[in-house]
Every structure is written in C-alpha cells, then in structure tokens.
C-alpha cells in the first residue's frame, strides 16, 4: 500500500529539538525503542527527509560512532533507499548512499502515486507541515518523550494553518515514552 508516514520524537511541550539545532540528547532510546525503530524501518520502501534533517542524518548514521553504538539501525538507515526533498540540494551533493533528490512535495506525490511506494519521513518538521498542507500525509507518528524542555523548535509550527487530526493508536513504552499515531481528518 502506498502511503506517507511521518515519525517524530517530541517533548511533552511540543519541541522536536532543544534551543540549538540537533539538541536531542533528551530522547529516551532503549532496547524497546530500538526494536520499534527496526520494525518501523522495515515497513517502508523509502526513507524521506527535508534537506536539514538529511544532512544531519547523513553525517551521523555512516559514522564510526553510529556503527559501533547502534549497528542494526545504522545498517538499515545506510542501506535504505532515501529521498531528500530540497530546492537547494542537487544530486551531486547527495552524500549518503542510495539517495534520490526531488525538488518539491508534488514530485514526492508523483513517486507515491506512480511507483506505489510507501515512505517514512523521519524528522523534517518543515517538510511534514508541507505534506499536511498538500494533503499527502497519511499518518503522523509522534513519540512523546516524558520531558519538558521549556524552549526549543516547535514541531509543526506552521503559522496560519490548522491541521485537524484523528487519533488512530496509542502505545506506551516502559521508559515512559508514548507513541501517538494520528491520521489527518477533514476540517
């Protein structure tokens, strides 16, 4: 089945990162989460990123640290076919194996429709807001981490746009994380 799903870890006060870019040390990742992550990665044909998230992931997952500390996830992330949505990055700048660059969400929609591919968007809050606005996001998975940051970058901050959602599923993790799964609903 062709669909686009977003996965994002957020604090209880709605931030996907702290006050500085890539400040995600507050994420609670343990064995149960790693099993979930591996299962989730196996469900999709493509991993999809906005440019900023792509560049950060492309730096981390092929690194010696990632290969040493989380070899299973690193192997899946590095070998998976990837799409980066960017108006500024071109194919020659794609620094991570198996990466395809597309210019906009319309091109991503065409891939979804014509190739019948399922896609998992990781992070990429600006891209996610664009997908919601275009009516292309089929599922939103928010892993709420039991920590309040007080400040940071807000997930789905998209002034002037309202995106009604309906709750599809809730899963509680032993470490206190809660996975909320939503689907868009008509306004």
N, C-alpha and C. Protein backbone atom coordinates (compact mmCIF):
# COMPACT_ATOMS: atom_id res chain seq x y z
N UNK A 1 0.84 -1.18 0.00
CA UNK A 1 0.00 0.00 0.00
C UNK A 1 0.88 1.25 0.00
N UNK A 2 0.59 2.17 -0.86
CA UNK A 2 1.35 3.41 -0.97
C UNK A 2 0.86 4.41 0.07
N UNK A 3 1.79 4.86 0.93
CA UNK A 3 1.41 5.86 1.92
C UNK A 3 2.63 6.61 2.39
N UNK A 4 2.39 7.79 2.95
CA UNK A 4 3.46 8.59 3.55
C UNK A 4 3.17 8.73 5.03
N UNK A 5 4.12 8.29 5.84
CA UNK A 5 4.02 8.34 7.30
C UNK A 5 5.15 9.21 7.83
N UNK A 6 4.85 10.01 8.81
CA UNK A 6 5.85 10.84 9.50
C UNK A 6 6.12 10.25 10.88
N UNK A 7 7.41 10.19 11.28
CA UNK A 7 7.77 9.83 12.64
C UNK A 7 8.64 10.93 13.22
N UNK A 8 8.26 11.38 14.42
CA UNK A 8 9.00 12.45 15.09
C UNK A 8 8.96 12.22 16.59
N UNK A 9 10.11 12.42 17.24
CA UNK A 9 10.15 12.40 18.70
C UNK A 9 9.98 13.84 19.17
N UNK A 10 9.06 14.03 20.14
CA UNK A 10 8.79 15.38 20.65
C UNK A 10 8.75 15.35 22.17
N UNK A 11 9.05 16.49 22.76
CA UNK A 11 8.92 16.63 24.21
C UNK A 11 7.44 16.82 24.55
N UNK A 12 7.09 16.71 25.83
CA UNK A 12 5.68 16.90 26.20
C UNK A 12 5.20 18.32 25.92
N UNK A 13 6.13 19.28 25.81
CA UNK A 13 5.72 20.63 25.47
C UNK A 13 5.89 20.93 23.97
N UNK A 14 6.01 19.88 23.16
CA UNK A 14 5.89 20.02 21.71
C UNK A 14 7.13 20.38 20.92
N UNK A 15 8.31 20.24 21.52
CA UNK A 15 9.53 20.57 20.80
C UNK A 15 10.19 19.31 20.24
N UNK A 16 10.71 19.41 19.00
CA UNK A 16 11.40 18.27 18.42
C UNK A 16 12.91 18.35 18.64
N UNK A 17 13.39 19.52 19.03
CA UNK A 17 14.78 19.69 19.42
C UNK A 17 14.84 20.86 20.39
N UNK A 18 15.92 20.90 21.14
CA UNK A 18 16.07 21.99 22.09
C UNK A 18 16.33 23.32 21.40
N UNK A 19 16.83 24.28 22.16
CA UNK A 19 17.02 25.64 21.64
C UNK A 19 18.08 25.73 20.55
N UNK A 20 19.00 24.78 20.51
CA UNK A 20 20.01 24.79 19.45
C UNK A 20 19.76 23.61 18.52
N UNK A 21 20.08 23.78 17.24
CA UNK A 21 19.85 22.69 16.27
C UNK A 21 20.53 21.38 16.71
N UNK A 22 19.81 20.29 16.53
CA UNK A 22 20.26 18.93 16.82
C UNK A 22 20.48 18.67 18.31
N UNK A 23 19.91 19.50 19.19
CA UNK A 23 20.00 19.20 20.62
C UNK A 23 18.87 18.21 20.96
N UNK A 24 19.20 16.93 20.85
CA UNK A 24 18.23 15.85 21.05
C UNK A 24 18.71 14.86 22.11
N UNK A 25 19.61 15.29 22.95
CA UNK A 25 20.15 14.41 24.00
C UNK A 25 19.07 13.95 24.97
N UNK A 26 17.93 14.59 24.98
CA UNK A 26 16.82 14.26 25.87
C UNK A 26 15.99 13.08 25.36
N UNK A 27 16.22 12.64 24.12
CA UNK A 27 15.49 11.47 23.60
C UNK A 27 15.75 10.27 24.51
N UNK A 28 14.72 9.51 24.78
CA UNK A 28 14.87 8.30 25.59
C UNK A 28 14.84 7.10 24.66
N UNK A 29 16.03 6.58 24.40
CA UNK A 29 16.18 5.45 23.49
C UNK A 29 16.74 4.27 24.29
N UNK A 30 16.02 3.17 24.25
CA UNK A 30 16.45 1.97 24.95
C UNK A 30 16.20 0.77 24.04
N UNK A 31 16.33 -0.43 24.58
CA UNK A 31 16.18 -1.64 23.77
C UNK A 31 14.77 -1.75 23.16
N UNK A 32 13.74 -1.43 23.93
CA UNK A 32 12.38 -1.49 23.41
C UNK A 32 12.19 -0.51 22.25
N UNK A 33 12.73 0.71 22.40
CA UNK A 33 12.63 1.69 21.33
C UNK A 33 13.41 1.21 20.10
N UNK A 34 14.58 0.65 20.30
CA UNK A 34 15.38 0.17 19.17
C UNK A 34 14.66 -0.93 18.41
N UNK A 35 13.96 -1.82 19.12
CA UNK A 35 13.17 -2.85 18.44
C UNK A 35 12.05 -2.21 17.63
N UNK A 36 11.38 -1.23 18.21
CA UNK A 36 10.34 -0.49 17.49
C UNK A 36 10.92 0.17 16.24
N UNK A 37 12.07 0.82 16.38
CA UNK A 37 12.70 1.53 15.26
C UNK A 37 13.03 0.56 14.13
N UNK A 38 13.57 -0.59 14.46
CA UNK A 38 13.93 -1.58 13.43
C UNK A 38 12.67 -2.07 12.71
N UNK A 39 11.62 -2.33 13.46
CA UNK A 39 10.36 -2.79 12.86
C UNK A 39 9.79 -1.70 11.95
N UNK A 40 9.81 -0.46 12.42
CA UNK A 40 9.28 0.66 11.64
C UNK A 40 10.07 0.83 10.35
N UNK A 41 11.39 0.76 10.42
CA UNK A 41 12.22 0.92 9.22
C UNK A 41 11.92 -0.17 8.19
N UNK A 42 11.59 -1.35 8.65
CA UNK A 42 11.32 -2.47 7.75
C UNK A 42 9.98 -2.34 7.01
N UNK A 43 9.10 -1.48 7.48
CA UNK A 43 7.76 -1.34 6.91
C UNK A 43 7.70 -0.49 5.64
N UNK A 44 8.77 0.24 5.31
CA UNK A 44 8.68 1.25 4.26
C UNK A 44 9.69 1.02 3.14
N UNK A 45 9.30 1.47 1.93
CA UNK A 45 10.17 1.36 0.76
C UNK A 45 11.23 2.45 0.73
N UNK A 46 10.87 3.66 1.18
CA UNK A 46 11.79 4.80 1.16
C UNK A 46 11.81 5.49 2.51
N UNK A 47 12.99 6.04 2.86
CA UNK A 47 13.10 6.99 3.96
C UNK A 47 13.12 8.37 3.30
N UNK A 48 12.41 9.32 3.88
CA UNK A 48 12.28 10.65 3.28
C UNK A 48 12.71 11.69 4.30
N UNK A 49 13.42 12.71 3.80
CA UNK A 49 13.93 13.78 4.66
C UNK A 49 13.82 15.12 3.95
N UNK A 50 13.68 16.17 4.75
CA UNK A 50 13.94 17.51 4.26
C UNK A 50 15.46 17.70 4.24
N UNK A 51 15.95 18.75 3.63
CA UNK A 51 17.40 18.93 3.47
C UNK A 51 18.15 18.99 4.80
N UNK A 52 17.68 19.78 5.75
CA UNK A 52 18.41 19.94 7.01
C UNK A 52 18.51 18.61 7.76
N UNK A 53 17.41 17.90 7.87
CA UNK A 53 17.43 16.61 8.56
C UNK A 53 18.30 15.62 7.80
N UNK A 54 18.19 15.62 6.48
CA UNK A 54 19.01 14.73 5.65
C UNK A 54 20.49 14.95 5.93
N UNK A 55 20.93 16.20 5.94
CA UNK A 55 22.35 16.48 6.15
C UNK A 55 22.82 15.99 7.51
N UNK A 56 22.00 16.17 8.55
CA UNK A 56 22.37 15.68 9.88
C UNK A 56 22.42 14.16 9.94
N UNK A 57 21.41 13.51 9.37
CA UNK A 57 21.37 12.04 9.36
C UNK A 57 22.51 11.47 8.53
N UNK A 58 22.81 12.11 7.40
CA UNK A 58 23.88 11.63 6.51
C UNK A 58 25.25 11.76 7.17
N UNK A 59 25.39 12.68 8.08
CA UNK A 59 26.64 12.81 8.83
C UNK A 59 26.73 11.75 9.92
N UNK A 60 25.61 11.49 10.60
CA UNK A 60 25.65 10.60 11.76
C UNK A 60 25.65 9.10 11.42
N UNK A 61 24.68 8.63 10.65
CA UNK A 61 24.48 7.18 10.51
C UNK A 61 25.64 6.43 9.88
N UNK A 62 26.38 6.99 8.93
CA UNK A 62 27.54 6.26 8.42
C UNK A 62 28.78 6.37 9.33
N UNK A 63 28.69 7.14 10.40
CA UNK A 63 29.85 7.39 11.26
C UNK A 63 30.25 6.15 12.05
N UNK A 64 31.51 6.13 12.47
CA UNK A 64 32.01 5.04 13.30
C UNK A 64 31.21 4.92 14.59
N UNK A 65 30.82 6.07 15.17
CA UNK A 65 30.04 6.06 16.41
C UNK A 65 28.71 5.33 16.22
N UNK A 66 27.97 5.67 15.16
CA UNK A 66 26.68 5.04 14.91
C UNK A 66 26.84 3.54 14.63
N UNK A 67 27.85 3.20 13.86
CA UNK A 67 28.10 1.79 13.54
C UNK A 67 28.49 0.99 14.77
N UNK A 68 29.13 1.65 15.73
CA UNK A 68 29.55 0.98 16.97
C UNK A 68 28.41 0.91 17.99
N UNK A 69 27.67 2.00 18.18
CA UNK A 69 26.68 2.06 19.25
C UNK A 69 25.30 1.52 18.85
N UNK A 70 24.97 1.56 17.57
CA UNK A 70 23.66 1.09 17.11
C UNK A 70 23.80 0.46 15.72
N UNK A 71 24.54 -0.65 15.64
CA UNK A 71 24.87 -1.22 14.33
C UNK A 71 23.66 -1.66 13.51
N UNK A 72 22.63 -2.20 14.15
CA UNK A 72 21.46 -2.66 13.41
C UNK A 72 20.73 -1.52 12.73
N UNK A 73 20.45 -0.46 13.50
CA UNK A 73 19.75 0.69 12.93
C UNK A 73 20.65 1.38 11.89
N UNK A 74 21.93 1.50 12.19
CA UNK A 74 22.85 2.13 11.24
C UNK A 74 22.85 1.38 9.91
N UNK A 75 22.88 0.06 9.96
CA UNK A 75 22.88 -0.73 8.73
C UNK A 75 21.60 -0.47 7.93
N UNK A 76 20.45 -0.46 8.60
CA UNK A 76 19.17 -0.22 7.92
C UNK A 76 19.11 1.20 7.36
N UNK A 77 19.53 2.18 8.14
CA UNK A 77 19.49 3.57 7.68
C UNK A 77 20.42 3.77 6.48
N UNK A 78 21.59 3.19 6.54
CA UNK A 78 22.58 3.38 5.47
C UNK A 78 22.22 2.65 4.19
N UNK A 79 21.54 1.51 4.29
CA UNK A 79 21.24 0.73 3.09
C UNK A 79 19.88 1.07 2.48
N UNK A 80 19.01 1.70 3.23
CA UNK A 80 17.66 2.00 2.74
C UNK A 80 17.69 3.02 1.60
N UNK A 81 16.80 2.87 0.63
CA UNK A 81 16.64 3.93 -0.38
C UNK A 81 16.11 5.19 0.30
N UNK A 82 16.70 6.33 -0.07
CA UNK A 82 16.35 7.59 0.58
C UNK A 82 15.93 8.63 -0.46
N UNK A 83 15.01 9.49 -0.04
CA UNK A 83 14.61 10.64 -0.85
C UNK A 83 14.80 11.87 0.01
N UNK A 84 15.45 12.88 -0.54
CA UNK A 84 15.56 14.16 0.15
C UNK A 84 14.81 15.19 -0.70
N UNK A 85 13.92 15.94 -0.04
CA UNK A 85 13.14 16.97 -0.71
C UNK A 85 13.84 18.30 -0.46
N UNK A 86 14.36 18.88 -1.54
CA UNK A 86 15.13 20.12 -1.38
C UNK A 86 15.15 20.91 -2.68
N UNK A 87 14.97 22.20 -2.56
CA UNK A 87 15.09 23.09 -3.71
C UNK A 87 16.54 23.53 -3.91
N UNK A 88 17.38 23.33 -2.88
CA UNK A 88 18.76 23.83 -2.95
C UNK A 88 19.81 22.74 -3.12
N UNK A 89 19.51 21.54 -2.73
CA UNK A 89 20.48 20.43 -2.85
C UNK A 89 20.31 19.79 -4.21
N UNK A 90 21.42 19.49 -4.88
CA UNK A 90 21.27 18.75 -6.14
C UNK A 90 21.87 17.36 -5.97
N UNK A 91 21.61 16.51 -6.92
CA UNK A 91 22.00 15.09 -6.82
C UNK A 91 23.50 14.92 -6.58
N UNK A 92 24.32 15.81 -7.13
CA UNK A 92 25.77 15.68 -6.94
C UNK A 92 26.18 15.97 -5.50
N UNK A 93 25.31 16.62 -4.73
CA UNK A 93 25.61 16.94 -3.32
C UNK A 93 25.07 15.88 -2.37
N UNK A 94 24.37 14.90 -2.88
CA UNK A 94 23.81 13.84 -2.04
C UNK A 94 24.97 12.99 -1.53
N UNK A 95 25.19 13.08 -0.23
CA UNK A 95 26.39 12.48 0.36
C UNK A 95 26.14 11.14 1.03
N UNK A 96 24.97 10.61 0.91
CA UNK A 96 24.61 9.38 1.60
C UNK A 96 24.17 8.37 0.55
N UNK A 97 24.56 7.14 0.70
CA UNK A 97 24.27 6.13 -0.32
C UNK A 97 22.77 5.98 -0.56
N UNK A 98 22.43 5.61 -1.77
CA UNK A 98 21.05 5.33 -2.18
C UNK A 98 20.12 6.53 -1.99
N UNK A 99 20.60 7.73 -2.32
CA UNK A 99 19.80 8.94 -2.15
C UNK A 99 19.34 9.49 -3.49
N UNK A 100 18.09 9.85 -3.52
CA UNK A 100 17.46 10.48 -4.67
C UNK A 100 16.99 11.86 -4.23
N UNK A 101 17.26 12.89 -5.01
CA UNK A 101 16.85 14.26 -4.67
C UNK A 101 15.63 14.63 -5.50
N UNK A 102 14.59 15.13 -4.83
CA UNK A 102 13.42 15.67 -5.52
C UNK A 102 13.24 17.12 -5.09
N UNK A 103 12.63 17.92 -5.93
CA UNK A 103 12.53 19.36 -5.69
C UNK A 103 11.41 19.79 -4.77
N UNK A 104 10.28 19.04 -4.76
CA UNK A 104 9.13 19.53 -4.00
C UNK A 104 8.18 18.39 -3.66
N UNK A 105 7.14 18.71 -2.88
CA UNK A 105 6.19 17.68 -2.45
C UNK A 105 5.36 17.15 -3.62
N UNK A 106 5.20 17.94 -4.67
CA UNK A 106 4.48 17.45 -5.85
C UNK A 106 5.23 16.28 -6.48
N UNK A 107 6.55 16.40 -6.56
CA UNK A 107 7.34 15.30 -7.12
C UNK A 107 7.28 14.07 -6.20
N UNK A 108 7.26 14.30 -4.91
CA UNK A 108 7.12 13.20 -3.96
C UNK A 108 5.76 12.53 -4.13
N UNK A 109 4.73 13.32 -4.36
CA UNK A 109 3.39 12.80 -4.60
C UNK A 109 3.36 11.91 -5.85
N UNK A 110 4.05 12.35 -6.89
CA UNK A 110 4.12 11.57 -8.11
C UNK A 110 4.78 10.21 -7.87
N UNK A 111 5.86 10.19 -7.10
CA UNK A 111 6.54 8.93 -6.77
C UNK A 111 5.59 8.02 -6.01
N UNK A 112 4.91 8.58 -5.05
CA UNK A 112 3.95 7.80 -4.25
C UNK A 112 2.87 7.18 -5.14
N UNK A 113 2.37 7.97 -6.03
CA UNK A 113 1.27 7.55 -6.91
C UNK A 113 1.74 6.58 -8.00
N UNK A 114 2.80 6.92 -8.72
CA UNK A 114 3.23 6.15 -9.88
C UNK A 114 4.03 4.90 -9.51
N UNK A 115 4.84 5.00 -8.48
CA UNK A 115 5.67 3.86 -8.10
C UNK A 115 5.02 2.99 -7.03
N UNK A 116 3.89 3.46 -6.46
CA UNK A 116 3.21 2.72 -5.40
C UNK A 116 4.19 2.38 -4.27
N UNK A 117 4.93 3.38 -3.80
CA UNK A 117 5.92 3.19 -2.75
C UNK A 117 5.45 3.79 -1.44
N UNK A 118 5.72 3.07 -0.35
CA UNK A 118 5.43 3.61 0.97
C UNK A 118 6.67 4.37 1.45
N UNK A 119 6.44 5.48 2.14
CA UNK A 119 7.52 6.37 2.53
C UNK A 119 7.42 6.73 4.01
N UNK A 120 8.56 6.70 4.67
CA UNK A 120 8.65 7.10 6.08
C UNK A 120 9.47 8.37 6.16
N UNK A 121 8.83 9.44 6.57
CA UNK A 121 9.51 10.72 6.79
C UNK A 121 10.04 10.70 8.22
N UNK A 122 11.33 10.93 8.37
CA UNK A 122 11.94 10.98 9.70
C UNK A 122 12.31 12.42 10.01
N UNK A 123 11.80 12.92 11.14
CA UNK A 123 12.06 14.31 11.49
C UNK A 123 11.45 15.23 10.47
N UNK A 124 12.21 16.22 10.04
CA UNK A 124 11.82 17.07 8.91
C UNK A 124 10.49 17.79 9.15
N UNK A 125 10.44 18.62 10.18
CA UNK A 125 9.19 19.27 10.56
C UNK A 125 8.64 20.20 9.47
N UNK A 126 9.49 20.92 8.77
CA UNK A 126 9.01 21.82 7.71
C UNK A 126 8.40 21.01 6.58
N UNK A 127 9.06 19.93 6.18
CA UNK A 127 8.53 19.06 5.14
C UNK A 127 7.20 18.46 5.59
N UNK A 128 7.12 18.03 6.84
CA UNK A 128 5.88 17.43 7.36
C UNK A 128 4.72 18.42 7.28
N UNK A 129 4.96 19.66 7.66
CA UNK A 129 3.91 20.67 7.57
C UNK A 129 3.47 20.86 6.12
N UNK A 130 4.41 20.84 5.19
CA UNK A 130 4.08 20.97 3.77
C UNK A 130 3.27 19.77 3.28
N UNK A 131 3.62 18.59 3.75
CA UNK A 131 2.88 17.38 3.36
C UNK A 131 1.45 17.43 3.90
N UNK A 132 1.29 17.88 5.14
CA UNK A 132 -0.06 18.03 5.70
C UNK A 132 -0.87 19.04 4.90
N UNK A 133 -0.26 20.17 4.60
CA UNK A 133 -0.95 21.22 3.86
C UNK A 133 -1.37 20.74 2.47
N UNK A 134 -0.53 19.91 1.84
CA UNK A 134 -0.84 19.41 0.50
C UNK A 134 -1.76 18.20 0.52
N UNK A 135 -2.11 17.71 1.72
CA UNK A 135 -2.98 16.55 1.83
C UNK A 135 -2.30 15.24 1.47
N UNK A 136 -0.98 15.18 1.61
CA UNK A 136 -0.22 13.99 1.21
C UNK A 136 0.18 13.10 2.38
N UNK A 137 0.07 13.59 3.61
CA UNK A 137 0.48 12.78 4.76
C UNK A 137 -0.67 11.86 5.17
N UNK A 138 -0.38 10.57 5.22
CA UNK A 138 -1.39 9.58 5.57
C UNK A 138 -1.40 9.25 7.06
N UNK A 139 -0.24 9.38 7.70
CA UNK A 139 -0.15 9.00 9.11
C UNK A 139 0.94 9.83 9.77
N UNK A 140 0.68 10.23 11.00
CA UNK A 140 1.63 11.00 11.80
C UNK A 140 1.89 10.23 13.09
N UNK A 141 3.14 9.81 13.27
CA UNK A 141 3.53 9.09 14.49
C UNK A 141 4.40 10.01 15.33
N UNK A 142 3.87 10.38 16.50
CA UNK A 142 4.60 11.25 17.42
C UNK A 142 4.99 10.44 18.65
N UNK A 143 6.29 10.30 18.87
CA UNK A 143 6.79 9.65 20.08
C UNK A 143 7.00 10.75 21.11
N UNK A 144 6.10 10.82 22.10
CA UNK A 144 6.19 11.85 23.13
C UNK A 144 7.11 11.34 24.24
N UNK A 145 8.17 12.10 24.47
CA UNK A 145 9.17 11.76 25.48
C UNK A 145 8.80 12.52 26.75
N UNK A 146 8.79 11.84 27.91
CA UNK A 146 8.36 12.50 29.14
C UNK A 146 9.39 13.47 29.71
N UNK A 147 9.57 14.56 28.98
CA UNK A 147 10.45 15.63 29.43
C UNK A 147 9.89 16.95 28.88
N UNK A 148 9.93 17.99 29.71
CA UNK A 148 9.53 19.33 29.28
C UNK A 148 10.81 20.13 29.07
N UNK A 149 11.00 20.66 27.87
CA UNK A 149 12.23 21.39 27.55
C UNK A 149 12.14 22.87 27.90
N UNK A 150 10.94 23.43 27.86
CA UNK A 150 10.78 24.84 28.17
C UNK A 150 11.05 25.76 26.99
N UNK A 151 11.90 25.34 26.07
CA UNK A 151 12.17 26.10 24.86
C UNK A 151 12.77 25.17 23.82
N UNK A 152 12.71 25.61 22.60
CA UNK A 152 13.26 24.81 21.52
C UNK A 152 12.54 25.10 20.22
N UNK A 153 12.66 24.18 19.29
CA UNK A 153 11.99 24.30 18.00
C UNK A 153 10.73 23.47 18.02
N UNK A 154 9.63 24.14 17.79
CA UNK A 154 8.32 23.54 17.89
C UNK A 154 7.99 22.69 16.68
N UNK A 155 7.49 21.50 16.93
CA UNK A 155 7.08 20.59 15.88
C UNK A 155 5.82 21.14 15.21
N UNK A 156 5.79 21.11 13.89
CA UNK A 156 4.64 21.53 13.08
C UNK A 156 4.25 22.98 13.27
N UNK A 157 5.22 23.80 13.58
CA UNK A 157 4.94 25.24 13.64
C UNK A 157 4.74 25.71 12.20
N UNK A 158 3.53 26.02 11.87
CA UNK A 158 3.18 26.41 10.51
C UNK A 158 2.10 27.48 10.62
N UNK A 159 2.48 28.71 10.94
CA UNK A 159 1.51 29.78 11.22
C UNK A 159 0.45 29.90 10.12
N UNK A 160 -0.77 30.09 10.56
CA UNK A 160 -1.87 30.30 9.64
C UNK A 160 -2.51 29.02 9.11
N UNK A 161 -2.02 27.88 9.55
CA UNK A 161 -2.56 26.61 9.06
C UNK A 161 -3.03 25.75 10.23
N UNK A 162 -4.21 25.19 10.08
CA UNK A 162 -4.74 24.27 11.06
C UNK A 162 -4.82 22.90 10.40
N UNK A 163 -4.38 21.88 11.12
CA UNK A 163 -4.37 20.53 10.57
C UNK A 163 -5.11 19.60 11.51
N UNK A 164 -6.42 19.43 11.33
CA UNK A 164 -7.18 18.52 12.21
C UNK A 164 -6.70 17.08 12.04
N UNK A 165 -6.56 16.39 13.15
CA UNK A 165 -6.09 15.00 13.15
C UNK A 165 -7.06 14.13 13.94
N UNK A 166 -7.06 12.85 13.65
CA UNK A 166 -7.83 11.91 14.46
C UNK A 166 -6.87 10.86 15.01
N UNK A 167 -7.06 10.51 16.28
CA UNK A 167 -6.21 9.53 16.94
C UNK A 167 -6.53 8.14 16.41
N UNK A 168 -5.48 7.41 16.00
CA UNK A 168 -5.63 6.07 15.45
C UNK A 168 -5.15 5.02 16.44
N UNK A 169 -4.06 5.33 17.18
CA UNK A 169 -3.49 4.33 18.08
C UNK A 169 -2.63 5.01 19.14
N UNK A 170 -2.49 4.34 20.28
CA UNK A 170 -1.63 4.79 21.37
C UNK A 170 -0.83 3.59 21.85
N UNK A 171 0.48 3.78 22.01
CA UNK A 171 1.32 2.71 22.54
C UNK A 171 2.23 3.30 23.61
N UNK A 172 2.18 2.70 24.78
CA UNK A 172 3.01 3.15 25.90
C UNK A 172 4.26 2.29 25.96
N UNK A 173 5.41 2.92 26.14
CA UNK A 173 6.68 2.22 26.29
C UNK A 173 7.07 2.19 27.76
N UNK A 174 7.83 1.20 28.15
CA UNK A 174 8.22 1.03 29.56
C UNK A 174 8.97 2.24 30.11
N UNK A 175 9.74 2.93 29.27
CA UNK A 175 10.53 4.07 29.75
C UNK A 175 9.72 5.36 29.87
N UNK A 176 8.41 5.29 29.59
CA UNK A 176 7.55 6.46 29.71
C UNK A 176 7.25 7.14 28.39
N UNK A 177 7.96 6.78 27.33
CA UNK A 177 7.62 7.31 26.01
C UNK A 177 6.22 6.83 25.64
N UNK A 178 5.51 7.65 24.88
CA UNK A 178 4.18 7.27 24.39
C UNK A 178 4.14 7.56 22.89
N UNK A 179 3.80 6.56 22.11
CA UNK A 179 3.66 6.73 20.67
C UNK A 179 2.20 7.02 20.35
N UNK A 180 1.96 8.21 19.82
CA UNK A 180 0.62 8.61 19.40
C UNK A 180 0.58 8.56 17.88
N UNK A 181 -0.36 7.82 17.34
CA UNK A 181 -0.49 7.72 15.89
C UNK A 181 -1.78 8.41 15.46
N UNK A 182 -1.63 9.36 14.54
CA UNK A 182 -2.75 10.15 14.05
C UNK A 182 -2.88 10.00 12.53
N UNK A 183 -4.07 10.25 12.04
CA UNK A 183 -4.33 10.37 10.62
C UNK A 183 -5.01 11.71 10.41
N UNK A 184 -4.74 12.37 9.29
CA UNK A 184 -5.44 13.63 9.02
C UNK A 184 -6.94 13.39 8.89
N UNK A 185 -7.72 14.39 9.27
CA UNK A 185 -9.17 14.30 9.07
C UNK A 185 -9.60 15.60 8.42
N UNK A 186 -10.73 15.54 7.80
CA UNK A 186 -11.26 16.73 7.12
C UNK A 186 -11.63 17.79 8.14
N UNK A 187 -11.39 19.03 7.79
CA UNK A 187 -11.71 20.16 8.69
C UNK A 187 -13.21 20.35 8.81
